[in-house]
Amino acid sequence: MDTETVRCEVKDHIALVTLDRPPVNAMNAQLQRDVMKVFDALGDMPDVRVAVLTGQGKVFCAGADIRARAERSGAPGEGGRHNRRARESFHAIVECAVPVVAAVNGAALGAGLALVASADILIASEKAVLGLPEIDVGMLGGGRHAMRLFGHSRTRRMMFTGMRMDGPELYRLGVVEDCVAPDKLMDRAMEIAGEIASKSPVAMKLAKQALNAIEFMSLRDGYRFEQNMTAELSKYDDSREAMAAFLEKRPPEFKGR
């Protein structure tokens, strides 16, 4: 399933989603719409159990398309429509029914950082860079998404100065799961995606739903919600199969039901 600016190919239950708007995958209206379309569709594809998101070329996403933004300035109502599209493109990843692994191959700046922060698991190339350059181009934004990845001081320093961090520093801070050579990035991302794809697709969807729901809950309310989700999972054949396979010391055979 390909769109004008996003490519998507499915193999072995893994959807490889590639931002493809040369030269730097800058976010414009079309890319925002295509990200929403692809990630919304993945949740309805029974063969997909996990997605890997990356960028074509040497850049993950350079952020907002400043030229396009300047050209549309002053158009009646376009500012509000743009803001909504931007929000929903990020939420389409957060709310995608299956886990999303971000394979950050290069710079992910501003809106690109927000795309990365919207994913579930992050893997970085040694050439990866995260940053919030908005302060230097007459804009603001990205701070709330950065708060999902960084602490108080680092988020504010990034927002106030445009400071950027490379892959090794992101790994040192624990922001990404791994930092590898550029030619090893997709292999590592696919390895993790393959591990996720081997689990029950029913359990995985419920697990992501639960994590999204409890992120801002209290400990008591969050754990209660998880207990309810465990009860929900127990209604499915996959849950009974997982338990039987464990007791019988054999690999499980999940049917997704």
Protein backbone atom coordinates (compact mmCIF):
# COMPACT_ATOMS: atom_id res chain seq x y z
CA MET A 1 0.00 0.00 0.00
CA ASP A 2 1.79 3.09 -1.28
CA THR A 3 0.72 6.74 -1.26
CA GLU A 4 2.19 9.82 -2.90
CA THR A 5 4.77 10.41 -0.16
CA VAL A 6 4.78 7.23 1.96
CA ARG A 7 5.73 3.72 0.86
CA CYS A 8 4.43 0.66 2.72
CA GLU A 9 5.32 -2.96 2.07
CA VAL A 10 4.28 -5.96 4.17
CA LYS A 11 6.30 -9.13 4.63
CA ASP A 12 6.25 -11.75 7.38
CA HIS A 13 3.63 -9.78 9.34
CA ILE A 14 5.90 -6.68 9.38
CA ALA A 15 4.88 -3.45 7.62
CA LEU A 16 7.88 -1.40 6.49
CA VAL A 17 6.70 2.22 6.26
CA THR A 18 9.09 4.63 4.54
CA LEU A 19 8.70 8.39 4.39
CA ASP A 20 9.47 9.19 0.74
CA ARG A 21 9.38 12.89 0.01
CA PRO A 22 12.81 13.84 -1.34
CA PRO A 23 15.13 15.40 -0.65
CA VAL A 24 14.66 15.48 3.16
CA ASN A 25 11.14 14.15 3.84
CA ALA A 26 9.97 17.55 5.05
CA MET A 27 6.41 17.56 6.40
CA ASN A 28 3.84 19.21 4.15
CA ALA A 29 0.08 18.71 3.90
CA GLN A 30 0.39 15.70 1.60
CA LEU A 31 2.89 13.89 3.83
CA GLN A 32 0.70 14.54 6.86
CA ARG A 33 -2.34 13.10 5.09
CA ASP A 34 -0.38 10.09 3.83
CA VAL A 35 1.03 9.27 7.28
CA MET A 36 -2.50 9.31 8.67
CA LYS A 37 -3.83 7.17 5.83
CA VAL A 38 -1.14 4.51 6.10
CA PHE A 39 -1.09 4.12 9.89
CA ASP A 40 -4.88 4.14 10.13
CA ALA A 41 -5.01 1.40 7.49
CA LEU A 42 -2.42 -0.81 9.21
CA GLY A 43 -4.78 -1.44 12.12
CA ASP A 44 -7.31 -2.97 9.72
CA MET A 45 -4.82 -5.27 7.97
CA PRO A 46 -5.03 -8.74 9.57
CA ASP A 47 -1.62 -9.74 8.18
CA VAL A 48 0.18 -6.87 9.96
CA ARG A 49 1.39 -7.37 13.53
CA VAL A 50 4.04 -4.62 13.79
CA ALA A 51 5.29 -1.66 11.75
CA VAL A 52 8.78 -0.25 11.18
CA LEU A 53 8.93 3.47 10.32
CA THR A 54 11.97 5.00 8.63
CA GLY A 55 12.92 7.65 6.07
CA GLN A 56 14.28 7.31 2.55
CA GLY A 57 17.75 8.62 1.85
CA LYS A 58 19.96 10.03 4.58
CA VAL A 59 17.27 11.95 6.51
CA PHE A 60 14.41 10.59 8.61
CA CYS A 61 12.37 13.81 8.52
CA ALA A 62 13.78 17.33 8.45
CA GLY A 63 10.65 18.78 10.05
CA ALA A 64 8.07 21.21 8.72
CA ASP A 65 8.37 22.30 5.09
CA ILE A 66 9.18 25.96 5.71
CA ARG A 67 8.73 26.93 2.05
CA ALA A 68 5.25 25.39 1.93
CA ARG A 69 4.41 27.05 5.23
CA ALA A 70 5.44 30.47 3.93
CA GLU A 71 3.42 29.99 0.72
CA ARG A 72 0.21 29.15 2.54
CA SER A 73 0.52 31.91 5.18
CA GLY A 74 -2.50 34.17 5.02
CA ALA A 75 -4.76 31.60 3.33
CA PRO A 76 -8.13 31.73 5.15
CA GLY A 77 -8.48 28.86 7.61
CA GLU A 78 -5.35 27.06 6.46
CA GLY A 79 -3.48 27.64 9.72
CA GLY A 80 -6.10 25.75 11.69
CA ARG A 81 -6.32 22.96 9.13
CA HIS A 82 -2.53 22.58 9.10
CA ASN A 83 -2.36 22.40 12.88
CA ARG A 84 -5.01 19.70 12.98
CA ARG A 85 -3.33 17.67 10.23
CA ALA A 86 -0.01 17.86 12.07
CA ARG A 87 -1.56 16.70 15.36
CA GLU A 88 -3.45 13.87 13.73
CA SER A 89 -0.43 12.63 11.76
CA PHE A 90 1.43 12.12 15.04
CA HIS A 91 -1.60 10.58 16.78
CA ALA A 92 -2.06 8.15 13.88
CA ILE A 93 1.25 6.58 14.93
CA VAL A 94 0.53 6.70 18.67
CA GLU A 95 -2.92 5.21 18.13
CA CYS A 96 -1.95 2.70 15.43
CA ALA A 97 -3.36 -0.64 16.56
CA VAL A 98 0.01 -2.39 16.21
CA PRO A 99 3.36 -1.45 17.78
CA VAL A 100 5.55 0.90 15.74
CA VAL A 101 9.35 0.66 15.72
CA ALA A 102 11.10 3.86 14.58
CA ALA A 103 14.34 3.18 12.70
CA VAL A 104 15.88 6.66 12.84
CA ASN A 105 18.30 6.71 9.92
CA GLY A 106 19.25 10.40 10.00
CA ALA A 107 18.07 13.80 11.15
CA ALA A 108 14.63 13.90 12.81
CA LEU A 109 14.00 17.56 13.57
CA GLY A 110 10.94 19.38 14.87
CA ALA A 111 7.99 17.54 13.39
CA GLY A 112 10.41 14.71 12.64
CA LEU A 113 11.20 14.42 16.34
CA ALA A 114 7.46 14.31 17.04
CA LEU A 115 7.09 11.42 14.60
CA VAL A 116 9.88 9.54 16.37
CA ALA A 117 8.43 10.27 19.83
CA SER A 118 5.06 8.94 18.65
CA ALA A 119 6.53 5.47 17.98
CA ASP A 120 6.70 2.70 20.58
CA ILE A 121 10.32 1.54 20.26
CA LEU A 122 13.24 3.59 18.95
CA ILE A 123 16.39 2.37 17.20
CA ALA A 124 18.99 4.88 16.00
CA SER A 125 21.71 4.90 13.42
CA GLU A 126 25.00 6.46 14.44
CA LYS A 127 24.02 9.16 11.91
CA ALA A 128 20.70 9.86 13.63
CA VAL A 129 20.08 13.33 15.06
CA LEU A 130 17.14 14.61 17.12
CA GLY A 131 16.51 18.30 17.63
CA LEU A 132 14.02 21.15 17.94
CA PRO A 133 15.23 23.89 15.57
CA GLU A 134 11.96 25.84 15.65
CA ILE A 135 13.43 28.63 17.78
CA ASP A 136 15.79 29.48 14.91
CA VAL A 137 13.14 29.65 12.17
CA GLY A 138 10.46 31.75 13.85
CA MET A 139 8.38 28.85 15.12
CA LEU A 140 7.61 26.89 18.28
CA GLY A 141 6.48 23.34 18.93
CA GLY A 142 7.70 19.82 19.57
CA GLY A 143 8.38 20.37 23.26
CA ARG A 144 5.55 18.16 24.48
CA HIS A 145 6.68 15.31 22.26
CA ALA A 146 10.27 15.80 23.41
CA MET A 147 9.06 15.40 27.00
CA ARG A 148 8.19 11.80 26.14
CA LEU A 149 11.89 11.19 25.47
CA PHE A 150 13.89 13.61 27.64
CA GLY A 151 13.93 15.02 31.13
CA HIS A 152 13.04 18.53 32.25
CA SER A 153 16.38 20.28 31.73
CA ARG A 154 17.30 18.62 28.44
CA THR A 155 13.89 19.28 26.89
CA ARG A 156 14.05 22.96 27.78
CA ARG A 157 17.63 23.31 26.62
CA MET A 158 16.66 21.80 23.27
CA MET A 159 13.63 24.06 22.97
CA PHE A 160 15.47 27.24 23.98
CA THR A 161 18.69 26.72 22.02
CA GLY A 162 17.95 24.37 19.13
CA MET A 163 20.45 21.89 20.59
CA ARG A 164 20.73 18.62 18.65
CA MET A 165 21.75 15.15 19.84
CA ASP A 166 23.26 12.35 17.79
CA GLY A 167 22.63 8.62 17.97
CA PRO A 168 25.42 7.72 20.43
CA GLU A 169 24.27 10.43 22.86
CA LEU A 170 20.66 9.28 22.52
CA TYR A 171 21.76 5.77 23.41
CA ARG A 172 23.82 7.01 26.35
CA LEU A 173 20.74 8.81 27.70
CA GLY A 174 18.56 5.73 27.23
CA VAL A 175 16.31 7.46 24.70
CA VAL A 176 16.81 4.73 22.09
CA GLU A 177 17.05 0.97 22.53
CA ASP A 178 20.15 0.66 20.39
CA CYS A 179 22.53 2.72 18.25
CA VAL A 180 24.13 0.90 15.36
CA ALA A 181 26.13 1.56 12.22
CA PRO A 182 23.97 2.94 9.37
CA ASP A 183 24.21 -0.28 7.36
CA LYS A 184 23.00 -2.31 10.35
CA LEU A 185 20.00 -0.12 11.26
CA MET A 186 17.27 -1.90 9.31
CA ASP A 187 18.56 -5.33 10.28
CA ARG A 188 18.35 -4.36 13.96
CA ALA A 189 14.91 -2.78 13.59
CA MET A 190 13.62 -5.82 11.72
CA GLU A 191 15.07 -8.13 14.37
CA ILE A 192 13.07 -6.39 17.08
CA ALA A 193 9.98 -6.19 14.83
CA GLY A 194 10.29 -9.91 14.13
CA GLU A 195 10.32 -10.68 17.84
CA ILE A 196 7.14 -8.63 18.30
CA ALA A 197 5.52 -10.30 15.27
CA SER A 198 6.11 -13.72 16.83
CA LYS A 199 3.78 -12.90 19.73
CA SER A 200 0.01 -13.15 19.76
CA PRO A 201 -1.40 -10.33 17.61
CA VAL A 202 -4.42 -10.14 19.90
CA ALA A 203 -2.26 -9.77 23.01
CA MET A 204 -0.03 -7.23 21.27
CA LYS A 205 -2.91 -4.98 20.24
CA LEU A 206 -4.39 -5.11 23.73
CA ALA A 207 -0.96 -4.42 25.25
CA LYS A 208 -0.49 -1.30 23.13
CA GLN A 209 -4.03 -0.16 23.87
CA ALA A 210 -3.38 -0.59 27.58
CA LEU A 211 -0.06 1.27 27.53
CA ASN A 212 -1.60 4.20 25.67
CA ALA A 213 -4.50 4.34 28.13
CA ILE A 214 -2.46 4.14 31.35
CA GLU A 215 0.36 6.53 30.39
CA PHE A 216 -1.06 9.42 32.39
CA MET A 217 -3.05 7.46 34.99
CA SER A 218 -2.18 7.04 38.63
CA LEU A 219 -0.50 3.79 39.66
CA ARG A 220 -3.73 2.50 41.22
CA ASP A 221 -5.96 3.36 38.26
CA GLY A 222 -3.40 2.22 35.71
CA TYR A 223 -2.92 -1.20 37.25
CA ARG A 224 -6.66 -1.66 37.63
CA PHE A 225 -7.02 -0.92 33.91
CA GLU A 226 -4.34 -3.51 33.11
CA GLN A 227 -6.13 -6.10 35.23
CA ASN A 228 -9.28 -5.47 33.23
CA MET A 229 -7.33 -5.86 29.98
CA THR A 230 -5.90 -9.17 31.24
CA ALA A 231 -9.45 -10.36 31.82
CA GLU A 232 -10.34 -9.25 28.30
CA LEU A 233 -7.37 -11.12 26.81
CA SER A 234 -8.35 -14.32 28.63
CA LYS A 235 -11.48 -14.50 26.44
CA TYR A 236 -9.37 -15.20 23.34
CA ASP A 237 -8.05 -18.50 22.01
CA ASP A 238 -4.54 -17.02 21.79
CA SER A 239 -4.45 -16.59 25.56
CA ARG A 240 -5.38 -20.21 26.16
CA GLU A 241 -2.87 -21.32 23.52
CA ALA A 242 -0.06 -19.34 25.19
CA MET A 243 -0.76 -21.00 28.53
CA ALA A 244 -1.04 -24.48 26.99
CA ALA A 245 2.20 -24.05 25.04
CA PHE A 246 4.01 -22.94 28.19
CA LEU A 247 2.80 -25.94 30.18
CA GLU A 248 3.51 -28.34 27.33
CA LYS A 249 6.96 -26.81 26.69
CA ARG A 250 6.35 -26.16 23.00
CA PRO A 251 6.24 -23.09 20.75
CA PRO A 252 2.79 -21.49 20.65
CA GLU A 253 0.75 -21.36 17.46
CA PHE A 254 -1.16 -18.10 17.50
CA LYS A 255 -4.21 -17.64 15.29
CA GLY A 256 -5.00 -14.04 16.15
CA ARG A 257 -8.34 -14.86 17.68
